[in-house]
PDB file of N, CA and C in Angstrom:
ATOM      1  N   UNK A   1     -10.900  24.277 -20.584  1.00  0.00           N
ATOM      2  CA  UNK A   1     -11.140  23.406 -21.726  1.00  0.00           C
ATOM      3  C   UNK A   1     -10.405  22.090 -21.500  1.00  0.00           C
ATOM      4  N   UNK A   2     -11.100  21.002 -21.652  1.00  0.00           N
ATOM      5  CA  UNK A   2     -10.523  19.676 -21.454  1.00  0.00           C
ATOM      6  C   UNK A   2      -9.775  19.235 -22.706  1.00  0.00           C
ATOM      7  N   UNK A   3      -8.761  18.378 -22.496  1.00  0.00           N
ATOM      8  CA  UNK A   3      -8.012  17.804 -23.608  1.00  0.00           C
ATOM      9  C   UNK A   3      -8.858  16.737 -24.297  1.00  0.00           C
ATOM     10  N   UNK A   4      -8.614  16.520 -25.589  1.00  0.00           N
ATOM     11  CA  UNK A   4      -9.330  15.480 -26.325  1.00  0.00           C
ATOM     12  C   UNK A   4      -8.746  14.114 -25.956  1.00  0.00           C
ATOM     13  N   UNK A   5      -9.622  13.150 -25.772  1.00  0.00           N
ATOM     14  CA  UNK A   5      -9.169  11.787 -25.475  1.00  0.00           C
ATOM     15  C   UNK A   5      -8.585  11.212 -26.759  1.00  0.00           C
ATOM     16  N   UNK A   6      -7.340  10.715 -26.707  1.00  0.00           N
ATOM     17  CA  UNK A   6      -6.733  10.179 -27.926  1.00  0.00           C
ATOM     18  C   UNK A   6      -7.408   8.886 -28.389  1.00  0.00           C
ATOM     19  N   UNK A   7      -7.201   8.532 -29.636  1.00  0.00           N
ATOM     20  CA  UNK A   7      -7.676   7.261 -30.189  1.00  0.00           C
ATOM     21  C   UNK A   7      -6.611   6.211 -29.883  1.00  0.00           C
ATOM     22  N   UNK A   8      -7.044   5.018 -29.559  1.00  0.00           N
ATOM     23  CA  UNK A   8      -6.115   3.952 -29.186  1.00  0.00           C
ATOM     24  C   UNK A   8      -6.224   2.800 -30.173  1.00  0.00           C
ATOM     25  N   UNK A   9      -5.074   2.224 -30.497  1.00  0.00           N
ATOM     26  CA  UNK A   9      -5.056   1.091 -31.427  1.00  0.00           C
ATOM     27  C   UNK A   9      -5.481  -0.203 -30.753  1.00  0.00           C
ATOM     28  N   UNK A  10      -5.138  -0.333 -29.466  1.00  0.00           N
ATOM     29  CA  UNK A  10      -5.460  -1.561 -28.751  1.00  0.00           C
ATOM     30  C   UNK A  10      -5.957  -1.227 -27.348  1.00  0.00           C
ATOM     31  N   UNK A  11      -6.603  -2.197 -26.728  1.00  0.00           N
ATOM     32  CA  UNK A  11      -7.060  -2.022 -25.350  1.00  0.00           C
ATOM     33  C   UNK A  11      -5.859  -1.890 -24.419  1.00  0.00           C
ATOM     34  N   UNK A  12      -4.778  -2.628 -24.708  1.00  0.00           N
ATOM     35  CA  UNK A  12      -3.563  -2.531 -23.892  1.00  0.00           C
ATOM     36  C   UNK A  12      -2.976  -1.123 -23.947  1.00  0.00           C
ATOM     37  N   UNK A  13      -2.991  -0.518 -25.131  1.00  0.00           N
ATOM     38  CA  UNK A  13      -2.471   0.848 -25.274  1.00  0.00           C
ATOM     39  C   UNK A  13      -3.315   1.826 -24.462  1.00  0.00           C
ATOM     40  N   UNK A  14      -4.620   1.609 -24.468  1.00  0.00           N
ATOM     41  CA  UNK A  14      -5.500   2.480 -23.687  1.00  0.00           C
ATOM     42  C   UNK A  14      -5.252   2.299 -22.192  1.00  0.00           C
ATOM     43  N   UNK A  15      -5.093   1.058 -21.761  1.00  0.00           N
ATOM     44  CA  UNK A  15      -4.815   0.793 -20.342  1.00  0.00           C
ATOM     45  C   UNK A  15      -3.513   1.454 -19.910  1.00  0.00           C
ATOM     46  N   UNK A  16      -2.510   1.355 -20.745  1.00  0.00           N
ATOM     47  CA  UNK A  16      -1.211   1.960 -20.439  1.00  0.00           C
ATOM     48  C   UNK A  16      -1.333   3.482 -20.348  1.00  0.00           C
ATOM     49  N   UNK A  17      -2.103   4.070 -21.251  1.00  0.00           N
ATOM     50  CA  UNK A  17      -2.307   5.514 -21.253  1.00  0.00           C
ATOM     51  C   UNK A  17      -2.974   5.966 -19.955  1.00  0.00           C
ATOM     52  N   UNK A  18      -4.100   5.313 -19.588  1.00  0.00           N
ATOM     53  CA  UNK A  18      -4.841   5.756 -18.415  1.00  0.00           C
ATOM     54  C   UNK A  18      -4.108   5.457 -17.119  1.00  0.00           C
ATOM     55  N   UNK A  19      -3.191   4.512 -17.139  1.00  0.00           N
ATOM     56  CA  UNK A  19      -2.395   4.227 -15.940  1.00  0.00           C
ATOM     57  C   UNK A  19      -1.433   5.374 -15.630  1.00  0.00           C
ATOM     58  N   UNK A  20      -1.118   6.171 -16.646  1.00  0.00           N
ATOM     59  CA  UNK A  20      -0.148   7.246 -16.436  1.00  0.00           C
ATOM     60  C   UNK A  20      -0.723   8.652 -16.653  1.00  0.00           C
ATOM     61  N   UNK A  21      -2.027   8.764 -16.856  1.00  0.00           N
ATOM     62  CA  UNK A  21      -2.667  10.060 -17.075  1.00  0.00           C
ATOM     63  C   UNK A  21      -3.883  10.205 -16.165  1.00  0.00           C
ATOM     64  N   UNK A  22      -4.168  11.436 -15.773  1.00  0.00           N
ATOM     65  CA  UNK A  22      -5.311  11.728 -14.919  1.00  0.00           C
ATOM     66  C   UNK A  22      -6.534  11.975 -15.803  1.00  0.00           C
ATOM     67  N   UNK A  23      -7.584  11.202 -15.591  1.00  0.00           N
ATOM     68  CA  UNK A  23      -8.784  11.322 -16.430  1.00  0.00           C
ATOM     69  C   UNK A  23      -9.458  12.682 -16.294  1.00  0.00           C
ATOM     70  N   UNK A  24      -9.258  13.371 -15.174  1.00  0.00           N
ATOM     71  CA  UNK A  24      -9.905  14.676 -15.000  1.00  0.00           C
ATOM     72  C   UNK A  24      -9.346  15.735 -15.952  1.00  0.00           C
ATOM     73  N   UNK A  25      -8.183  15.466 -16.557  1.00  0.00           N
ATOM     74  CA  UNK A  25      -7.652  16.368 -17.580  1.00  0.00           C
ATOM     75  C   UNK A  25      -8.418  16.209 -18.894  1.00  0.00           C
ATOM     76  N   UNK A  26      -9.155  15.113 -19.049  1.00  0.00           N
ATOM     77  CA  UNK A  26      -9.817  14.774 -20.302  1.00  0.00           C
ATOM     78  C   UNK A  26     -11.340  14.723 -20.202  1.00  0.00           C
ATOM     79  N   UNK A  27     -11.844  14.462 -18.999  1.00  0.00           N
ATOM     80  CA  UNK A  27     -13.282  14.244 -18.832  1.00  0.00           C
ATOM     81  C   UNK A  27     -13.801  15.127 -17.697  1.00  0.00           C
ATOM     82  N   UNK A  28     -14.927  15.788 -17.942  1.00  0.00           N
ATOM     83  CA  UNK A  28     -15.580  16.574 -16.896  1.00  0.00           C
ATOM     84  C   UNK A  28     -16.540  15.640 -16.163  1.00  0.00           C
ATOM     85  N   UNK A  29     -16.085  15.079 -15.068  1.00  0.00           N
ATOM     86  CA  UNK A  29     -16.856  14.073 -14.340  1.00  0.00           C
ATOM     87  C   UNK A  29     -18.113  14.653 -13.695  1.00  0.00           C
ATOM     88  N   UNK A  30     -18.216  15.972 -13.586  1.00  0.00           N
ATOM     89  CA  UNK A  30     -19.433  16.571 -13.037  1.00  0.00           C
ATOM     90  C   UNK A  30     -20.615  16.371 -13.972  1.00  0.00           C
ATOM     91  N   UNK A  31     -20.345  16.172 -15.248  1.00  0.00           N
ATOM     92  CA  UNK A  31     -21.398  15.958 -16.238  1.00  0.00           C
ATOM     93  C   UNK A  31     -21.693  14.470 -16.463  1.00  0.00           C
ATOM     94  N   UNK A  32     -21.001  13.624 -15.759  1.00  0.00           N
ATOM     95  CA  UNK A  32     -21.163  12.175 -15.957  1.00  0.00           C
ATOM     96  C   UNK A  32     -22.517  11.702 -15.453  1.00  0.00           C
ATOM     97  N   UNK A  33     -23.037  10.685 -16.098  1.00  0.00           N
ATOM     98  CA  UNK A  33     -24.293  10.060 -15.684  1.00  0.00           C
ATOM     99  C   UNK A  33     -24.057   8.566 -15.536  1.00  0.00           C
ATOM    100  N   UNK A  34     -24.757   7.974 -14.596  1.00  0.00           N
ATOM    101  CA  UNK A  34     -24.634   6.538 -14.371  1.00  0.00           C
ATOM    102  C   UNK A  34     -25.220   5.797 -15.577  1.00  0.00           C
ATOM    103  N   UNK A  35     -24.495   4.791 -16.035  1.00  0.00           N
ATOM    104  CA  UNK A  35     -24.940   4.004 -17.185  1.00  0.00           C
ATOM    105  C   UNK A  35     -25.138   2.553 -16.768  1.00  0.00           C
ATOM    106  N   UNK A  36     -26.084   1.903 -17.412  1.00  0.00           N
ATOM    107  CA  UNK A  36     -26.307   0.480 -17.203  1.00  0.00           C
ATOM    108  C   UNK A  36     -25.939  -0.237 -18.492  1.00  0.00           C
ATOM    109  N   UNK A  37     -25.085  -1.232 -18.378  1.00  0.00           N
ATOM    110  CA  UNK A  37     -24.624  -1.980 -19.541  1.00  0.00           C
ATOM    111  C   UNK A  37     -25.002  -3.455 -19.352  1.00  0.00           C
ATOM    112  N   UNK A  38     -26.255  -3.812 -19.626  1.00  0.00           N
ATOM    113  CA  UNK A  38     -26.733  -5.154 -19.303  1.00  0.00           C
ATOM    114  C   UNK A  38     -26.076  -6.273 -20.109  1.00  0.00           C
ATOM    115  N   UNK A  39     -25.590  -5.984 -21.290  1.00  0.00           N
ATOM    116  CA  UNK A  39     -25.009  -7.040 -22.126  1.00  0.00           C
ATOM    117  C   UNK A  39     -23.492  -7.135 -22.003  1.00  0.00           C
ATOM    118  N   UNK A  40     -22.903  -6.283 -21.180  1.00  0.00           N
ATOM    119  CA  UNK A  40     -21.456  -6.258 -21.048  1.00  0.00           C
ATOM    120  C   UNK A  40     -20.992  -7.418 -20.171  1.00  0.00           C
ATOM    121  N   UNK A  41     -20.066  -8.195 -20.696  1.00  0.00           N
ATOM    122  CA  UNK A  41     -19.509  -9.299 -19.931  1.00  0.00           C
ATOM    123  C   UNK A  41     -18.009  -9.053 -19.785  1.00  0.00           C
ATOM    124  N   UNK A  42     -17.484  -9.225 -18.584  1.00  0.00           N
ATOM    125  CA  UNK A  42     -16.047  -9.016 -18.419  1.00  0.00           C
ATOM    126  C   UNK A  42     -15.267 -10.060 -19.207  1.00  0.00           C
ATOM    127  N   UNK A  43     -14.175  -9.616 -19.790  1.00  0.00           N
ATOM    128  CA  UNK A  43     -13.350 -10.574 -20.530  1.00  0.00           C
ATOM    129  C   UNK A  43     -12.629 -11.466 -19.518  1.00  0.00           C
ATOM    130  N   UNK A  44     -12.543 -12.719 -19.860  1.00  0.00           N
ATOM    131  CA  UNK A  44     -11.857 -13.660 -18.979  1.00  0.00           C
ATOM    132  C   UNK A  44     -11.082 -14.652 -19.823  1.00  0.00           C
ATOM    133  N   UNK A  45     -10.158 -15.305 -19.193  1.00  0.00           N
ATOM    134  CA  UNK A  45      -9.319 -16.272 -19.877  1.00  0.00           C
ATOM    135  C   UNK A  45      -9.214 -17.512 -18.996  1.00  0.00           C
ATOM    136  N   UNK A  46      -9.381 -18.652 -19.597  1.00  0.00           N
ATOM    137  CA  UNK A  46      -9.266 -19.905 -18.870  1.00  0.00           C
ATOM    138  C   UNK A  46      -7.798 -20.233 -18.654  1.00  0.00           C
ATOM    139  N   UNK A  47      -7.472 -20.649 -17.427  1.00  0.00           N
ATOM    140  CA  UNK A  47      -6.103 -21.057 -17.118  1.00  0.00           C
ATOM    141  C   UNK A  47      -6.138 -22.403 -16.411  1.00  0.00           C
ATOM    142  N   UNK A  48      -4.996 -23.052 -16.399  1.00  0.00           N
ATOM    143  CA  UNK A  48      -4.824 -24.272 -15.605  1.00  0.00           C
ATOM    144  C   UNK A  48      -3.879 -23.947 -14.474  1.00  0.00           C
ATOM    145  N   UNK A  49      -4.179 -24.474 -13.327  1.00  0.00           N
ATOM    146  CA  UNK A  49      -3.308 -24.246 -12.184  1.00  0.00           C
ATOM    147  C   UNK A  49      -3.159 -25.565 -11.442  1.00  0.00           C
ATOM    148  N   UNK A  50      -1.950 -25.894 -11.117  1.00  0.00           N
ATOM    149  CA  UNK A  50      -1.688 -27.109 -10.357  1.00  0.00           C
ATOM    150  C   UNK A  50      -1.496 -26.719  -8.903  1.00  0.00           C
ATOM    151  N   UNK A  51      -2.176 -27.446  -8.034  1.00  0.00           N
ATOM    152  CA  UNK A  51      -2.009 -27.214  -6.606  1.00  0.00           C
ATOM    153  C   UNK A  51      -2.107 -28.552  -5.893  1.00  0.00           C
ATOM    154  N   UNK A  52      -1.500 -28.637  -4.739  1.00  0.00           N
ATOM    155  CA  UNK A  52      -1.564 -29.892  -3.985  1.00  0.00           C
ATOM    156  C   UNK A  52      -3.025 -30.261  -3.687  1.00  0.00           C
ATOM    157  N   UNK A  53      -3.322 -31.548  -3.797  1.00  0.00           N
ATOM    158  CA  UNK A  53      -4.688 -32.019  -3.560  1.00  0.00           C
ATOM    159  C   UNK A  53      -5.220 -31.610  -2.194  1.00  0.00           C
ATOM    160  N   UNK A  54      -4.415 -31.716  -1.121  1.00  0.00           N
ATOM    161  CA  UNK A  54      -4.948 -31.266   0.179  1.00  0.00           C
ATOM    162  C   UNK A  54      -5.351 -29.787   0.188  1.00  0.00           C
ATOM    163  N   UNK A  55      -4.608 -28.957  -0.530  1.00  0.00           N
ATOM    164  CA  UNK A  55      -4.953 -27.531  -0.610  1.00  0.00           C
ATOM    165  C   UNK A  55      -6.278 -27.355  -1.348  1.00  0.00           C
ATOM    166  N   UNK A  56      -6.455 -28.072  -2.439  1.00  0.00           N
ATOM    167  CA  UNK A  56      -7.702 -27.999  -3.196  1.00  0.00           C
ATOM    168  C   UNK A  56      -8.875 -28.509  -2.357  1.00  0.00           C
ATOM    169  N   UNK A  57      -8.651 -29.583  -1.616  1.00  0.00           N
ATOM    170  CA  UNK A  57      -9.702 -30.112  -0.741  1.00  0.00           C
ATOM    171  C   UNK A  57     -10.112 -29.085   0.309  1.00  0.00           C
ATOM    172  N   UNK A  58      -9.140 -28.400   0.892  1.00  0.00           N
ATOM    173  CA  UNK A  58      -9.435 -27.368   1.903  1.00  0.00           C
ATOM    174  C   UNK A  58     -10.188 -26.195   1.279  1.00  0.00           C
ATOM    175  N   UNK A  59      -9.789 -25.827   0.063  1.00  0.00           N
ATOM    176  CA  UNK A  59     -10.477 -24.752  -0.647  1.00  0.00           C
ATOM    177  C   UNK A  59     -11.935 -25.134  -0.901  1.00  0.00           C
ATOM    178  N   UNK A  60     -12.161 -26.355  -1.359  1.00  0.00           N
ATOM    179  CA  UNK A  60     -13.521 -26.821  -1.621  1.00  0.00           C
ATOM    180  C   UNK A  60     -14.341 -26.868  -0.336  1.00  0.00           C
ATOM    181  N   UNK A  61     -13.736 -27.290   0.752  1.00  0.00           N
ATOM    182  CA  UNK A  61     -14.430 -27.338   2.031  1.00  0.00           C
ATOM    183  C   UNK A  61     -14.852 -25.935   2.470  1.00  0.00           C
ATOM    184  N   UNK A  62     -13.923 -24.994   2.365  1.00  0.00           N
ATOM    185  CA  UNK A  62     -14.225 -23.616   2.750  1.00  0.00           C
ATOM    186  C   UNK A  62     -15.294 -23.017   1.835  1.00  0.00           C
ATOM    187  N   UNK A  63     -15.188 -23.301   0.545  1.00  0.00           N
ATOM    188  CA  UNK A  63     -16.185 -22.793  -0.399  1.00  0.00           C
ATOM    189  C   UNK A  63     -17.566 -23.357  -0.080  1.00  0.00           C
ATOM    190  N   UNK A  64     -17.605 -24.623   0.273  1.00  0.00           N
ATOM    191  CA  UNK A  64     -18.879 -25.247   0.630  1.00  0.00           C
ATOM    192  C   UNK A  64     -19.482 -24.585   1.866  1.00  0.00           C
ATOM    193  N   UNK A  65     -18.638 -24.268   2.854  1.00  0.00           N
ATOM    194  CA  UNK A  65     -19.124 -23.580   4.055  1.00  0.00           C
ATOM    195  C   UNK A  65     -19.691 -22.206   3.724  1.00  0.00           C
ATOM    196  N   UNK A  66     -19.092 -21.543   2.735  1.00  0.00           N
ATOM    197  CA  UNK A  66     -19.547 -20.204   2.334  1.00  0.00           C
ATOM    198  C   UNK A  66     -20.623 -20.251   1.255  1.00  0.00           C
ATOM    199  N   UNK A  67     -20.934 -21.469   0.806  1.00  0.00           N
ATOM    200  CA  UNK A  67     -21.960 -21.679  -0.213  1.00  0.00           C
ATOM    201  C   UNK A  67     -21.649 -20.943  -1.518  1.00  0.00           C
ATOM    202  N   UNK A  68     -20.390 -21.061  -1.957  1.00  0.00           N
ATOM    203  CA  UNK A  68     -19.966 -20.492  -3.237  1.00  0.00           C
ATOM    204  C   UNK A  68     -19.155 -21.551  -3.975  1.00  0.00           C
ATOM    205  N   UNK A  69     -19.101 -21.497  -5.294  1.00  0.00           N
ATOM    206  CA  UNK A  69     -18.237 -22.429  -6.028  1.00  0.00           C
ATOM    207  C   UNK A  69     -16.768 -22.187  -5.657  1.00  0.00           C
ATOM    208  N   UNK A  70     -15.999 -23.262  -5.612  1.00  0.00           N
ATOM    209  CA  UNK A  70     -14.607 -23.107  -5.186  1.00  0.00           C
ATOM    210  C   UNK A  70     -13.802 -22.258  -6.149  1.00  0.00           C
ATOM    211  N   UNK A  71     -14.133 -22.291  -7.458  1.00  0.00           N
ATOM    212  CA  UNK A  71     -13.415 -21.437  -8.410  1.00  0.00           C
ATOM    213  C   UNK A  71     -13.673 -19.961  -8.110  1.00  0.00           C
ATOM    214  N   UNK A  72     -14.899 -19.648  -7.743  1.00  0.00           N
ATOM    215  CA  UNK A  72     -15.237 -18.259  -7.408  1.00  0.00           C
ATOM    216  C   UNK A  72     -14.511 -17.818  -6.143  1.00  0.00           C
ATOM    217  N   UNK A  73     -14.447 -18.707  -5.166  1.00  0.00           N
ATOM    218  CA  UNK A  73     -13.733 -18.382  -3.937  1.00  0.00           C
ATOM    219  C   UNK A  73     -12.252 -18.149  -4.218  1.00  0.00           C
ATOM    220  N   UNK A  74     -11.679 -18.965  -5.054  1.00  0.00           N
ATOM    221  CA  UNK A  74     -10.271 -18.798  -5.413  1.00  0.00           C
ATOM    222  C   UNK A  74     -10.054 -17.450  -6.105  1.00  0.00           C
ATOM    223  N   UNK A  75     -10.957 -17.068  -7.008  1.00  0.00           N
ATOM    224  CA  UNK A  75     -10.851 -15.765  -7.669  1.00  0.00           C
ATOM    225  C   UNK A  75     -10.953 -14.624  -6.661  1.00  0.00           C
ATOM    226  N   UNK A  76     -11.846 -14.770  -5.676  1.00  0.00           N
ATOM    227  CA  UNK A  76     -11.979 -13.727  -4.650  1.00  0.00           C
ATOM    228  C   UNK A  76     -10.686 -13.602  -3.846  1.00  0.00           C
ATOM    229  N   UNK A  77     -10.086 -14.746  -3.485  1.00  0.00           N
ATOM    230  CA  UNK A  77      -8.830 -14.718  -2.735  1.00  0.00           C
ATOM    231  C   UNK A  77      -7.722 -14.046  -3.538  1.00  0.00           C
ATOM    232  N   UNK A  78      -7.624 -14.387  -4.813  1.00  0.00           N
ATOM    233  CA  UNK A  78      -6.580 -13.791  -5.663  1.00  0.00           C
ATOM    234  C   UNK A  78      -6.825 -12.288  -5.812  1.00  0.00           C
ATOM    235  N   UNK A  79      -8.080 -11.891  -6.008  1.00  0.00           N
ATOM    236  CA  UNK A  79      -8.404 -10.471  -6.160  1.00  0.00           C
ATOM    237  C   UNK A  79      -8.051  -9.685  -4.901  1.00  0.00           C
ATOM    238  N   UNK A  80      -8.379 -10.248  -3.740  1.00  0.00           N
ATOM    239  CA  UNK A  80      -8.057  -9.576  -2.475  1.00  0.00           C
ATOM    240  C   UNK A  80      -6.551  -9.413  -2.307  1.00  0.00           C
ATOM    241  N   UNK A  81      -5.816 -10.455  -2.638  1.00  0.00           N
ATOM    242  CA  UNK A  81      -4.357 -10.397  -2.476  1.00  0.00           C
ATOM    243  C   UNK A  81      -3.740  -9.396  -3.455  1.00  0.00           C
ATOM    244  N   UNK A  82      -4.228  -9.387  -4.689  1.00  0.00           N
ATOM    245  CA  UNK A  82      -3.718  -8.423  -5.666  1.00  0.00           C
ATOM    246  C   UNK A  82      -3.980  -7.001  -5.203  1.00  0.00           C
ATOM    247  N   UNK A  83      -5.170  -6.743  -4.691  1.00  0.00           N
ATOM    248  CA  UNK A  83      -5.502  -5.409  -4.195  1.00  0.00           C
ATOM    249  C   UNK A  83      -4.559  -5.009  -3.065  1.00  0.00           C
ATOM    250  N   UNK A  84      -4.299  -5.925  -2.140  1.00  0.00           N
ATOM    251  CA  UNK A  84      -3.399  -5.634  -1.025  1.00  0.00           C
ATOM    252  C   UNK A  84      -1.975  -5.395  -1.504  1.00  0.00           C
ATOM    253  N   UNK A  85      -1.517  -6.188  -2.446  1.00  0.00           N
ATOM    254  CA  UNK A  85      -0.153  -6.047  -2.955  1.00  0.00           C
ATOM    255  C   UNK A  85       0.037  -4.713  -3.667  1.00  0.00           C
ATOM    256  N   UNK A  86      -0.971  -4.288  -4.442  1.00  0.00           N
ATOM    257  CA  UNK A  86      -0.831  -3.048  -5.182  1.00  0.00           C
ATOM    258  C   UNK A  86      -1.020  -1.823  -4.302  1.00  0.00           C
ATOM    259  N   UNK A  87      -1.653  -1.976  -3.137  1.00  0.00           N
ATOM    260  CA  UNK A  87      -1.783  -0.857  -2.215  1.00  0.00           C
ATOM    261  C   UNK A  87      -0.439  -0.508  -1.591  1.00  0.00           C
ATOM    262  N   UNK A  88       0.373  -1.509  -1.330  1.00  0.00           N
ATOM    263  CA  UNK A  88       1.649  -1.252  -0.656  1.00  0.00           C
ATOM    264  C   UNK A  88       2.763  -0.926  -1.613  1.00  0.00           C
TER     265      UNK A  88
END
């Protein structure tokens, strides 16, 4: 018998809970089905970041070579680095 998933007051509380608990104690993943959520948009927050102009120019040049917006390339770089940092 699986444990009942608790109710959470905030998304942060839920994130904290799942970071320290194994979902298999609460959910029978063998019964899971793939879901499509077409209207779901990831939450994002606008930030300002100051960087040296030559660094920004190099980022834009590289983004242009890869045919992606420079903001998207910067997000990909940050995501890759975060993943690497949390692995170690």
